[in-house]
Amino acid sequence: MEAKINWKLVVSFIIIIAGLFYITESYLMTIGIMLLLFVAYDFVLKKAKEEEERQKQQERLQEEERQKKEGDS
């Protein structure tokens, strides 16, 4: 299984890392902030996937209800 790399995301993180290091002039602070950003990014991705799955499930339920109504008629 190949991992898909989102190059735009990688470049944006590199730019953020460079900017943070320029501002803070500290590797440790830059690493800490980046870890927090990665955690926040992961949290947002999980919430988006949960919302997408919930919408798909709701659409399936609606489709099943429509099929039942058509079958009853």
C-alpha atoms as a PDB file:
ATOM      1  CA  MET A   1       0.000   0.000   0.000  1.00  0.00           C
ATOM      2  CA  GLU A   2       1.452   3.311  -1.065  1.00  0.00           C
ATOM      3  CA  ALA A   3       1.150   6.385   1.079  1.00  0.00           C
ATOM      4  CA  LYS A   4      -0.210   9.411  -0.703  1.00  0.00           C
ATOM      5  CA  ILE A   5       1.801  12.495   0.097  1.00  0.00           C
ATOM      6  CA  ASN A   6       0.056  15.827  -0.046  1.00  0.00           C
ATOM      7  CA  TRP A   7       2.926  17.953  -1.330  1.00  0.00           C
ATOM      8  CA  LYS A   8       1.096  21.240  -0.794  1.00  0.00           C
ATOM      9  CA  LEU A   9       0.694  20.342   2.876  1.00  0.00           C
ATOM     10  CA  VAL A  10       4.348  19.355   3.189  1.00  0.00           C
ATOM     11  CA  VAL A  11       5.500  22.637   1.634  1.00  0.00           C
ATOM     12  CA  SER A  12       3.156  24.665   3.835  1.00  0.00           C
ATOM     13  CA  PHE A  13       4.469  22.919   6.972  1.00  0.00           C
ATOM     14  CA  ILE A  14       8.064  23.566   5.906  1.00  0.00           C
ATOM     15  CA  ILE A  15       7.274  27.244   5.416  1.00  0.00           C
ATOM     16  CA  ILE A  16       5.595  27.376   8.822  1.00  0.00           C
ATOM     17  CA  ILE A  17       8.581  25.660  10.451  1.00  0.00           C
ATOM     18  CA  ALA A  18      10.995  28.118   8.838  1.00  0.00           C
ATOM     19  CA  GLY A  19       8.877  31.082   9.911  1.00  0.00           C
ATOM     20  CA  LEU A  20       8.546  29.811  13.456  1.00  0.00           C
ATOM     21  CA  PHE A  21      12.283  29.257  13.741  1.00  0.00           C
ATOM     22  CA  TYR A  22      12.923  32.745  12.380  1.00  0.00           C
ATOM     23  CA  ILE A  23      10.545  34.260  14.938  1.00  0.00           C
ATOM     24  CA  THR A  24      11.487  32.174  17.993  1.00  0.00           C
ATOM     25  CA  GLU A  25      15.141  31.402  17.212  1.00  0.00           C
ATOM     26  CA  SER A  26      14.688  28.225  19.250  1.00  0.00           C
ATOM     27  CA  TYR A  27      14.527  24.675  17.939  1.00  0.00           C
ATOM     28  CA  LEU A  28      12.674  23.406  20.991  1.00  0.00           C
ATOM     29  CA  MET A  29       9.942  26.027  20.833  1.00  0.00           C
ATOM     30  CA  THR A  30       9.549  25.491  17.097  1.00  0.00           C
ATOM     31  CA  ILE A  31       9.244  21.733  17.592  1.00  0.00           C
ATOM     32  CA  GLY A  32       6.697  22.223  20.392  1.00  0.00           C
ATOM     33  CA  ILE A  33       4.524  24.533  18.322  1.00  0.00           C
ATOM     34  CA  MET A  34       4.706  22.207  15.331  1.00  0.00           C
ATOM     35  CA  LEU A  35       3.646  19.244  17.473  1.00  0.00           C
ATOM     36  CA  LEU A  36       0.632  21.235  18.624  1.00  0.00           C
ATOM     37  CA  LEU A  37      -0.186  22.088  15.006  1.00  0.00           C
ATOM     38  CA  PHE A  38       0.068  18.422  13.990  1.00  0.00           C
ATOM     39  CA  VAL A  39      -2.274  17.415  16.816  1.00  0.00           C
ATOM     40  CA  ALA A  40      -4.761  20.115  15.812  1.00  0.00           C
ATOM     41  CA  TYR A  41      -4.538  19.067  12.155  1.00  0.00           C
ATOM     42  CA  ASP A  42      -5.164  15.423  13.053  1.00  0.00           C
ATOM     43  CA  PHE A  43      -8.139  16.413  15.215  1.00  0.00           C
ATOM     44  CA  VAL A  44      -9.677  18.435  12.377  1.00  0.00           C
ATOM     45  CA  LEU A  45      -9.170  15.559   9.906  1.00  0.00           C
ATOM     46  CA  LYS A  46     -10.844  13.065  12.239  1.00  0.00           C
ATOM     47  CA  LYS A  47     -13.824  15.353  12.776  1.00  0.00           C
ATOM     48  CA  ALA A  48     -14.192  15.900   9.028  1.00  0.00           C
ATOM     49  CA  LYS A  49     -14.103  12.141   8.365  1.00  0.00           C
ATOM     50  CA  GLU A  50     -16.681  11.495  11.091  1.00  0.00           C
ATOM     51  CA  GLU A  51     -18.975  14.144   9.603  1.00  0.00           C
ATOM     52  CA  GLU A  52     -18.572  12.655   6.123  1.00  0.00           C
ATOM     53  CA  GLU A  53     -19.363   9.152   7.385  1.00  0.00           C
ATOM     54  CA  ARG A  54     -22.406  10.431   9.268  1.00  0.00           C
ATOM     55  CA  GLN A  55     -23.714  12.132   6.126  1.00  0.00           C
ATOM     56  CA  LYS A  56     -23.195   8.972   4.057  1.00  0.00           C
ATOM     57  CA  GLN A  57     -25.027   6.907   6.661  1.00  0.00           C
ATOM     58  CA  GLN A  58     -27.885   9.414   6.722  1.00  0.00           C
ATOM     59  CA  GLU A  59     -28.132   9.292   2.918  1.00  0.00           C
ATOM     60  CA  ARG A  60     -28.228   5.476   3.008  1.00  0.00           C
ATOM     61  CA  LEU A  61     -31.039   5.543   5.571  1.00  0.00           C
ATOM     62  CA  GLN A  62     -33.012   8.026   3.484  1.00  0.00           C
ATOM     63  CA  GLU A  63     -32.538   5.863   0.392  1.00  0.00           C
ATOM     64  CA  GLU A  64     -33.755   2.778   2.291  1.00  0.00           C
ATOM     65  CA  GLU A  65     -36.842   4.678   3.479  1.00  0.00           C
ATOM     66  CA  ARG A  66     -37.596   5.759  -0.088  1.00  0.00           C
ATOM     67  CA  GLN A  67     -37.268   2.179  -1.321  1.00  0.00           C
ATOM     68  CA  LYS A  68     -39.629   0.955   1.429  1.00  0.00           C
ATOM     69  CA  LYS A  69     -42.195   3.594   0.499  1.00  0.00           C
ATOM     70  CA  GLU A  70     -41.953   2.656  -3.165  1.00  0.00           C
ATOM     71  CA  GLY A  71     -42.291  -1.026  -2.285  1.00  0.00           C
ATOM     72  CA  ASP A  72     -45.397  -0.368  -0.167  1.00  0.00           C
ATOM     73  CA  SER A  73     -47.131   1.576  -2.924  1.00  0.00           C
END
